[in-house]
Amino acid sequence: MTIGRQEVLAWLTALQQVYSENRELLTELDSAIGDADHGVNMDRGFTAVRDELLAHAPEDLGDLLKAVAMILIRKVGGASGPLYGMLFLRGASVCTGKAELGAADIVALFQAGIEGIRQRGKADPGDKTMVDALLPALTAMQGALGEGGGVEEVLAAGVAAAEDGVKSTIPLQARKGRASYLGPRSVGHEDPGARSSYLLLKSAANIWTQKPPAV
């Protein structure tokens, strides 16, 4: 199984629906430890991605993901725009010139993107951020690829690890971002960025393995 331009566009379009449907959940999570705008920002950003790509979507996969990055950086407020923008921007760098993505390409895409997020946000595992979902997901995807897994196996491993990572943020005290200002009061709450990262991976798995898009 390989993932082509149409599948990537289907994923990006599905993300608009996913973040629209989860807008209130993400806002509720963010209201506990942040600025209560994460759901609004993610919905706004991926609505702009959908609308602008419907009008003009680059043919090259690298250019397509770079366009997504620029839209998110321009449209999404707070820290989410630069961080998610970096994920797609760095991911674009390993997709330039490619017409299709295999399992190894997908791992490389997310590896580059997650490394970009870590460099941009200066977050480590245990800081109660999106990294706590994304880094375990990357490790799991790399493991599945190393065992000979294809696209479906790689994504399934990443999604399962990301879901566990989201849950792991609940008992953590935040050490980065707006939530860190709360100190011990941030304990007991799920990190909204970890949840939105999980939703991004889950949507890719659903769309790219032809499963129902609900998450």
C-alpha atoms as a PDB file:
ATOM      1  CA  MET A   1       0.000   0.000   0.000  1.00  0.00           C
ATOM      2  CA  THR A   2       1.203   3.491  -0.885  1.00  0.00           C
ATOM      3  CA  ILE A   3      -0.280   6.915  -0.209  1.00  0.00           C
ATOM      4  CA  GLY A   4      -0.635   9.329  -3.119  1.00  0.00           C
ATOM      5  CA  ARG A   5      -1.682  12.929  -3.509  1.00  0.00           C
ATOM      6  CA  GLN A   6      -5.403  12.167  -3.427  1.00  0.00           C
ATOM      7  CA  GLU A   7      -5.041  10.251  -0.178  1.00  0.00           C
ATOM      8  CA  VAL A   8      -3.073  13.097   1.381  1.00  0.00           C
ATOM      9  CA  LEU A   9      -5.742  15.571   0.280  1.00  0.00           C
ATOM     10  CA  ALA A  10      -8.447  13.288   1.695  1.00  0.00           C
ATOM     11  CA  TRP A  11      -6.607  13.258   5.040  1.00  0.00           C
ATOM     12  CA  LEU A  12      -6.283  17.032   5.124  1.00  0.00           C
ATOM     13  CA  THR A  13      -9.962  17.438   4.264  1.00  0.00           C
ATOM     14  CA  ALA A  14     -10.939  14.939   6.952  1.00  0.00           C
ATOM     15  CA  LEU A  15      -8.925  16.867   9.523  1.00  0.00           C
ATOM     16  CA  GLN A  16     -11.250  19.829   9.061  1.00  0.00           C
ATOM     17  CA  GLN A  17     -14.200  17.622  10.000  1.00  0.00           C
ATOM     18  CA  VAL A  18     -12.303  16.009  12.871  1.00  0.00           C
ATOM     19  CA  TYR A  19     -11.321  19.312  14.460  1.00  0.00           C
ATOM     20  CA  SER A  20     -14.768  20.769  13.884  1.00  0.00           C
ATOM     21  CA  GLU A  21     -16.366  17.798  15.641  1.00  0.00           C
ATOM     22  CA  ASN A  22     -13.820  17.935  18.475  1.00  0.00           C
ATOM     23  CA  ARG A  23     -13.786  21.712  18.811  1.00  0.00           C
ATOM     24  CA  GLU A  24     -15.731  21.743  22.066  1.00  0.00           C
ATOM     25  CA  LEU A  25     -13.699  18.890  23.584  1.00  0.00           C
ATOM     26  CA  LEU A  26     -10.391  20.581  22.807  1.00  0.00           C
ATOM     27  CA  THR A  27     -11.721  23.896  24.097  1.00  0.00           C
ATOM     28  CA  GLU A  28     -12.876  22.248  27.313  1.00  0.00           C
ATOM     29  CA  LEU A  29      -9.495  20.600  27.826  1.00  0.00           C
ATOM     30  CA  ASP A  30      -7.722  23.886  27.137  1.00  0.00           C
ATOM     31  CA  SER A  31     -10.015  25.844  29.426  1.00  0.00           C
ATOM     32  CA  ALA A  32      -8.708  23.812  32.372  1.00  0.00           C
ATOM     33  CA  ILE A  33      -5.011  24.549  31.838  1.00  0.00           C
ATOM     34  CA  GLY A  34      -4.704  27.033  28.983  1.00  0.00           C
ATOM     35  CA  ASP A  35      -6.408  29.868  27.148  1.00  0.00           C
ATOM     36  CA  ALA A  36      -9.553  27.931  26.138  1.00  0.00           C
ATOM     37  CA  ASP A  37      -8.857  28.528  22.445  1.00  0.00           C
ATOM     38  CA  HIS A  38      -7.210  25.330  21.203  1.00  0.00           C
ATOM     39  CA  GLY A  39     -10.396  23.900  19.712  1.00  0.00           C
ATOM     40  CA  VAL A  40     -11.246  27.174  17.996  1.00  0.00           C
ATOM     41  CA  ASN A  41      -7.724  27.542  16.651  1.00  0.00           C
ATOM     42  CA  MET A  42      -7.481  24.017  15.265  1.00  0.00           C
ATOM     43  CA  ASP A  43     -10.921  24.264  13.668  1.00  0.00           C
ATOM     44  CA  ARG A  44     -10.067  27.629  12.124  1.00  0.00           C
ATOM     45  CA  GLY A  45      -6.698  26.448  10.859  1.00  0.00           C
ATOM     46  CA  PHE A  46      -7.843  23.286   9.148  1.00  0.00           C
ATOM     47  CA  THR A  47     -10.937  24.953   7.742  1.00  0.00           C
ATOM     48  CA  ALA A  48      -8.547  27.378   6.046  1.00  0.00           C
ATOM     49  CA  VAL A  49      -6.411  24.441   4.892  1.00  0.00           C
ATOM     50  CA  ARG A  50      -9.436  22.766   3.328  1.00  0.00           C
ATOM     51  CA  ASP A  51     -10.713  25.909   1.665  1.00  0.00           C
ATOM     52  CA  GLU A  52      -7.382  27.050   0.271  1.00  0.00           C
ATOM     53  CA  LEU A  53      -6.385  23.611  -0.975  1.00  0.00           C
ATOM     54  CA  LEU A  54      -9.734  23.165  -2.681  1.00  0.00           C
ATOM     55  CA  ALA A  55      -8.938  26.349  -4.594  1.00  0.00           C
ATOM     56  CA  HIS A  56      -5.353  25.381  -5.378  1.00  0.00           C
ATOM     57  CA  ALA A  57      -3.506  22.273  -4.239  1.00  0.00           C
ATOM     58  CA  PRO A  58       0.111  21.841  -5.393  1.00  0.00           C
ATOM     59  CA  GLU A  59       0.877  18.653  -7.302  1.00  0.00           C
ATOM     60  CA  ASP A  60       4.131  17.798  -5.541  1.00  0.00           C
ATOM     61  CA  LEU A  61       3.616  16.245  -2.111  1.00  0.00           C
ATOM     62  CA  GLY A  62       6.374  18.324  -0.590  1.00  0.00           C
ATOM     63  CA  ASP A  63       4.867  21.539  -1.952  1.00  0.00           C
ATOM     64  CA  LEU A  64       1.428  20.429  -0.762  1.00  0.00           C
ATOM     65  CA  LEU A  65       2.570  19.893   2.826  1.00  0.00           C
ATOM     66  CA  LYS A  66       4.538  23.133   2.760  1.00  0.00           C
ATOM     67  CA  ALA A  67       1.366  24.954   1.705  1.00  0.00           C
ATOM     68  CA  VAL A  68      -0.432  23.417   4.687  1.00  0.00           C
ATOM     69  CA  ALA A  69       2.341  24.624   6.978  1.00  0.00           C
ATOM     70  CA  MET A  70       2.118  28.181   5.695  1.00  0.00           C
ATOM     71  CA  ILE A  71      -1.660  28.265   6.093  1.00  0.00           C
ATOM     72  CA  LEU A  72      -1.487  26.997   9.668  1.00  0.00           C
ATOM     73  CA  ILE A  73       1.239  29.439  10.643  1.00  0.00           C
ATOM     74  CA  ARG A  74      -0.806  32.269   9.157  1.00  0.00           C
ATOM     75  CA  LYS A  75      -4.247  31.276  10.451  1.00  0.00           C
ATOM     76  CA  VAL A  76      -3.803  29.485  13.782  1.00  0.00           C
ATOM     77  CA  GLY A  77      -3.324  31.516  16.932  1.00  0.00           C
ATOM     78  CA  GLY A  78      -1.265  30.788  20.026  1.00  0.00           C
ATOM     79  CA  ALA A  79       1.492  28.212  20.017  1.00  0.00           C
ATOM     80  CA  SER A  80      -0.458  25.731  17.903  1.00  0.00           C
ATOM     81  CA  GLY A  81       0.106  27.487  14.584  1.00  0.00           C
ATOM     82  CA  PRO A  82       3.907  27.534  14.727  1.00  0.00           C
ATOM     83  CA  LEU A  83       4.080  24.006  16.164  1.00  0.00           C
ATOM     84  CA  TYR A  84       1.698  22.308  13.758  1.00  0.00           C
ATOM     85  CA  GLY A  85       3.117  24.443  10.976  1.00  0.00           C
ATOM     86  CA  MET A  86       6.567  23.100  11.829  1.00  0.00           C
ATOM     87  CA  LEU A  87       5.274  19.519  11.735  1.00  0.00           C
ATOM     88  CA  PHE A  88       4.045  19.962   8.165  1.00  0.00           C
ATOM     89  CA  LEU A  89       6.978  22.117   7.082  1.00  0.00           C
ATOM     90  CA  ARG A  90       9.599  19.628   8.203  1.00  0.00           C
ATOM     91  CA  GLY A  91       7.482  16.760   6.926  1.00  0.00           C
ATOM     92  CA  ALA A  92       7.363  18.473   3.541  1.00  0.00           C
ATOM     93  CA  SER A  93      11.140  18.441   3.347  1.00  0.00           C
ATOM     94  CA  VAL A  94      11.262  14.634   3.141  1.00  0.00           C
ATOM     95  CA  CYS A  95       8.376  14.416   0.646  1.00  0.00           C
ATOM     96  CA  THR A  96       9.709  16.770  -2.027  1.00  0.00           C
ATOM     97  CA  GLY A  97       9.640  15.166  -5.455  1.00  0.00           C
ATOM     98  CA  LYS A  98       7.621  12.163  -4.295  1.00  0.00           C
ATOM     99  CA  ALA A  99       4.408  11.068  -5.975  1.00  0.00           C
ATOM    100  CA  GLU A 100       3.620   8.369  -3.413  1.00  0.00           C
ATOM    101  CA  LEU A 101       4.489   7.587   0.183  1.00  0.00           C
ATOM    102  CA  GLY A 102       5.246   4.124   1.471  1.00  0.00           C
ATOM    103  CA  ALA A 103       5.531   3.061   5.089  1.00  0.00           C
ATOM    104  CA  ALA A 104       9.143   4.250   5.376  1.00  0.00           C
ATOM    105  CA  ASP A 105       8.218   7.632   3.871  1.00  0.00           C
ATOM    106  CA  ILE A 106       5.383   8.090   6.354  1.00  0.00           C
ATOM    107  CA  VAL A 107       7.707   7.352   9.256  1.00  0.00           C
ATOM    108  CA  ALA A 108      10.263   9.773   7.819  1.00  0.00           C
ATOM    109  CA  LEU A 109       7.558  12.436   7.412  1.00  0.00           C
ATOM    110  CA  PHE A 110       6.468  12.213  11.034  1.00  0.00           C
ATOM    111  CA  GLN A 111      10.030  11.862  12.308  1.00  0.00           C
ATOM    112  CA  ALA A 112      11.054  15.083  10.604  1.00  0.00           C
ATOM    113  CA  GLY A 113       7.896  16.846  11.747  1.00  0.00           C
ATOM    114  CA  ILE A 114       8.171  15.741  15.362  1.00  0.00           C
ATOM    115  CA  GLU A 115      11.840  16.700  15.493  1.00  0.00           C
ATOM    116  CA  GLY A 116      10.810  20.122  14.202  1.00  0.00           C
ATOM    117  CA  ILE A 117       8.171  20.468  16.914  1.00  0.00           C
ATOM    118  CA  ARG A 118      10.682  19.562  19.603  1.00  0.00           C
ATOM    119  CA  GLN A 119      13.186  22.085  18.319  1.00  0.00           C
ATOM    120  CA  ARG A 120      10.537  24.801  18.029  1.00  0.00           C
ATOM    121  CA  GLY A 121       8.836  24.154  21.360  1.00  0.00           C
ATOM    122  CA  LYS A 122      11.868  23.013  23.364  1.00  0.00           C
ATOM    123  CA  ALA A 123       9.682  20.308  24.945  1.00  0.00           C
ATOM    124  CA  ASP A 124      10.842  16.995  26.360  1.00  0.00           C
ATOM    125  CA  PRO A 125       8.863  13.883  27.271  1.00  0.00           C
ATOM    126  CA  GLY A 126       7.065  14.450  30.566  1.00  0.00           C
ATOM    127  CA  ASP A 127       6.584  18.187  30.037  1.00  0.00           C
ATOM    128  CA  LYS A 128       2.831  17.654  29.441  1.00  0.00           C
ATOM    129  CA  THR A 129       2.723  18.706  25.802  1.00  0.00           C
ATOM    130  CA  MET A 130       1.918  17.256  22.404  1.00  0.00           C
ATOM    131  CA  VAL A 131       5.370  15.656  22.495  1.00  0.00           C
ATOM    132  CA  ASP A 132       4.056  13.174  25.071  1.00  0.00           C
ATOM    133  CA  ALA A 133       1.725  11.785  22.401  1.00  0.00           C
ATOM    134  CA  LEU A 134       3.880  12.269  19.315  1.00  0.00           C
ATOM    135  CA  LEU A 135       7.225  10.907  20.507  1.00  0.00           C
ATOM    136  CA  PRO A 136       5.851   7.529  21.688  1.00  0.00           C
ATOM    137  CA  ALA A 137       3.910   7.359  18.426  1.00  0.00           C
ATOM    138  CA  LEU A 138       7.104   7.880  16.442  1.00  0.00           C
ATOM    139  CA  THR A 139       8.959   5.232  18.427  1.00  0.00           C
ATOM    140  CA  ALA A 140       6.119   2.768  17.857  1.00  0.00           C
ATOM    141  CA  MET A 141       5.980   3.534  14.137  1.00  0.00           C
ATOM    142  CA  GLN A 142       9.720   3.051  13.813  1.00  0.00           C
ATOM    143  CA  GLY A 143       9.421  -0.260  15.634  1.00  0.00           C
ATOM    144  CA  ALA A 144       6.605  -1.461  13.393  1.00  0.00           C
ATOM    145  CA  LEU A 145       8.565  -0.453  10.300  1.00  0.00           C
ATOM    146  CA  GLY A 146      11.631  -2.274  11.583  1.00  0.00           C
ATOM    147  CA  GLU A 147       9.558  -5.420  11.956  1.00  0.00           C
ATOM    148  CA  GLY A 148       8.520  -5.212   8.310  1.00  0.00           C
ATOM    149  CA  GLY A 149       5.172  -3.521   8.821  1.00  0.00           C
ATOM    150  CA  GLY A 150       3.433  -1.713   6.013  1.00  0.00           C
ATOM    151  CA  VAL A 151       1.418   1.493   6.090  1.00  0.00           C
ATOM    152  CA  GLU A 152      -1.477   0.011   8.059  1.00  0.00           C
ATOM    153  CA  GLU A 153       0.722  -1.624  10.695  1.00  0.00           C
ATOM    154  CA  VAL A 154       2.917   1.453  11.087  1.00  0.00           C
ATOM    155  CA  LEU A 155      -0.032   3.792  11.533  1.00  0.00           C
ATOM    156  CA  ALA A 156      -1.881   1.437  13.872  1.00  0.00           C
ATOM    157  CA  ALA A 157       1.172   1.229  16.116  1.00  0.00           C
ATOM    158  CA  GLY A 158       1.551   5.005  16.111  1.00  0.00           C
ATOM    159  CA  VAL A 159      -2.092   5.639  16.948  1.00  0.00           C
ATOM    160  CA  ALA A 160      -2.115   3.173  19.841  1.00  0.00           C
ATOM    161  CA  ALA A 161       1.040   4.696  21.315  1.00  0.00           C
ATOM    162  CA  ALA A 162      -0.287   8.232  20.841  1.00  0.00           C
ATOM    163  CA  GLU A 163      -3.509   7.345  22.653  1.00  0.00           C
ATOM    164  CA  ASP A 164      -1.506   5.980  25.580  1.00  0.00           C
ATOM    165  CA  GLY A 165       0.610   9.125  25.459  1.00  0.00           C
ATOM    166  CA  VAL A 166      -2.458  11.332  25.747  1.00  0.00           C
ATOM    167  CA  LYS A 167      -3.560   9.459  28.859  1.00  0.00           C
ATOM    168  CA  SER A 168      -0.058   9.751  30.311  1.00  0.00           C
ATOM    169  CA  THR A 169      -0.342  13.541  30.384  1.00  0.00           C
ATOM    170  CA  ILE A 170      -3.159  13.526  32.941  1.00  0.00           C
ATOM    171  CA  PRO A 171      -1.001  12.984  36.083  1.00  0.00           C
ATOM    172  CA  LEU A 172       1.827  15.214  34.842  1.00  0.00           C
ATOM    173  CA  GLN A 173       2.600  18.723  36.011  1.00  0.00           C
ATOM    174  CA  ALA A 174       3.053  21.015  33.051  1.00  0.00           C
ATOM    175  CA  ARG A 175       6.546  22.386  32.488  1.00  0.00           C
ATOM    176  CA  LYS A 176       5.975  24.196  29.202  1.00  0.00           C
ATOM    177  CA  GLY A 177       3.532  26.699  27.797  1.00  0.00           C
ATOM    178  CA  ARG A 178       0.600  28.451  29.388  1.00  0.00           C
ATOM    179  CA  ALA A 179      -0.240  25.414  31.508  1.00  0.00           C
ATOM    180  CA  SER A 180       3.115  25.620  33.299  1.00  0.00           C
ATOM    181  CA  TYR A 181       1.940  28.818  35.023  1.00  0.00           C
ATOM    182  CA  LEU A 182      -0.541  26.715  37.004  1.00  0.00           C
ATOM    183  CA  GLY A 183       2.142  24.597  38.639  1.00  0.00           C
ATOM    184  CA  PRO A 184       0.605  21.706  40.623  1.00  0.00           C
ATOM    185  CA  ARG A 185      -2.893  22.770  39.541  1.00  0.00           C
ATOM    186  CA  SER A 186      -2.123  21.466  36.046  1.00  0.00           C
ATOM    187  CA  VAL A 187      -2.030  17.912  37.435  1.00  0.00           C
ATOM    188  CA  GLY A 188      -5.125  15.842  36.722  1.00  0.00           C
ATOM    189  CA  HIS A 189      -5.913  17.349  33.333  1.00  0.00           C
ATOM    190  CA  GLU A 190      -5.345  15.919  29.867  1.00  0.00           C
ATOM    191  CA  ASP A 191      -3.144  18.040  27.638  1.00  0.00           C
ATOM    192  CA  PRO A 192      -5.171  19.461  24.729  1.00  0.00           C
ATOM    193  CA  GLY A 193      -2.194  19.514  22.360  1.00  0.00           C
ATOM    194  CA  ALA A 194      -1.562  15.829  23.007  1.00  0.00           C
ATOM    195  CA  ARG A 195      -5.224  15.124  22.228  1.00  0.00           C
ATOM    196  CA  SER A 196      -5.200  17.116  18.983  1.00  0.00           C
ATOM    197  CA  SER A 197      -1.985  15.345  17.937  1.00  0.00           C
ATOM    198  CA  TYR A 198      -3.614  11.978  18.533  1.00  0.00           C
ATOM    199  CA  LEU A 199      -6.589  13.084  16.439  1.00  0.00           C
ATOM    200  CA  LEU A 200      -4.249  14.016  13.587  1.00  0.00           C
ATOM    201  CA  LEU A 201      -2.605  10.585  13.581  1.00  0.00           C
ATOM    202  CA  LYS A 202      -5.884   8.730  14.063  1.00  0.00           C
ATOM    203  CA  SER A 203      -7.386  10.534  11.102  1.00  0.00           C
ATOM    204  CA  ALA A 204      -4.421   9.586   8.901  1.00  0.00           C
ATOM    205  CA  ALA A 205      -4.816   5.951   9.910  1.00  0.00           C
ATOM    206  CA  ASN A 206      -8.557   6.008   9.259  1.00  0.00           C
ATOM    207  CA  ILE A 207      -8.312   7.658   5.858  1.00  0.00           C
ATOM    208  CA  TRP A 208      -5.208   5.918   4.599  1.00  0.00           C
ATOM    209  CA  THR A 209      -6.390   2.455   5.573  1.00  0.00           C
ATOM    210  CA  GLN A 210      -9.948   3.133   4.320  1.00  0.00           C
ATOM    211  CA  LYS A 211     -11.611   2.931   7.702  1.00  0.00           C
ATOM    212  CA  PRO A 212     -14.512   5.177   8.767  1.00  0.00           C
ATOM    213  CA  PRO A 213     -13.275   8.719   9.466  1.00  0.00           C
ATOM    214  CA  ALA A 214     -14.915   9.054  12.892  1.00  0.00           C
ATOM    215  CA  VAL A 215     -12.404   9.235  15.763  1.00  0.00           C
END
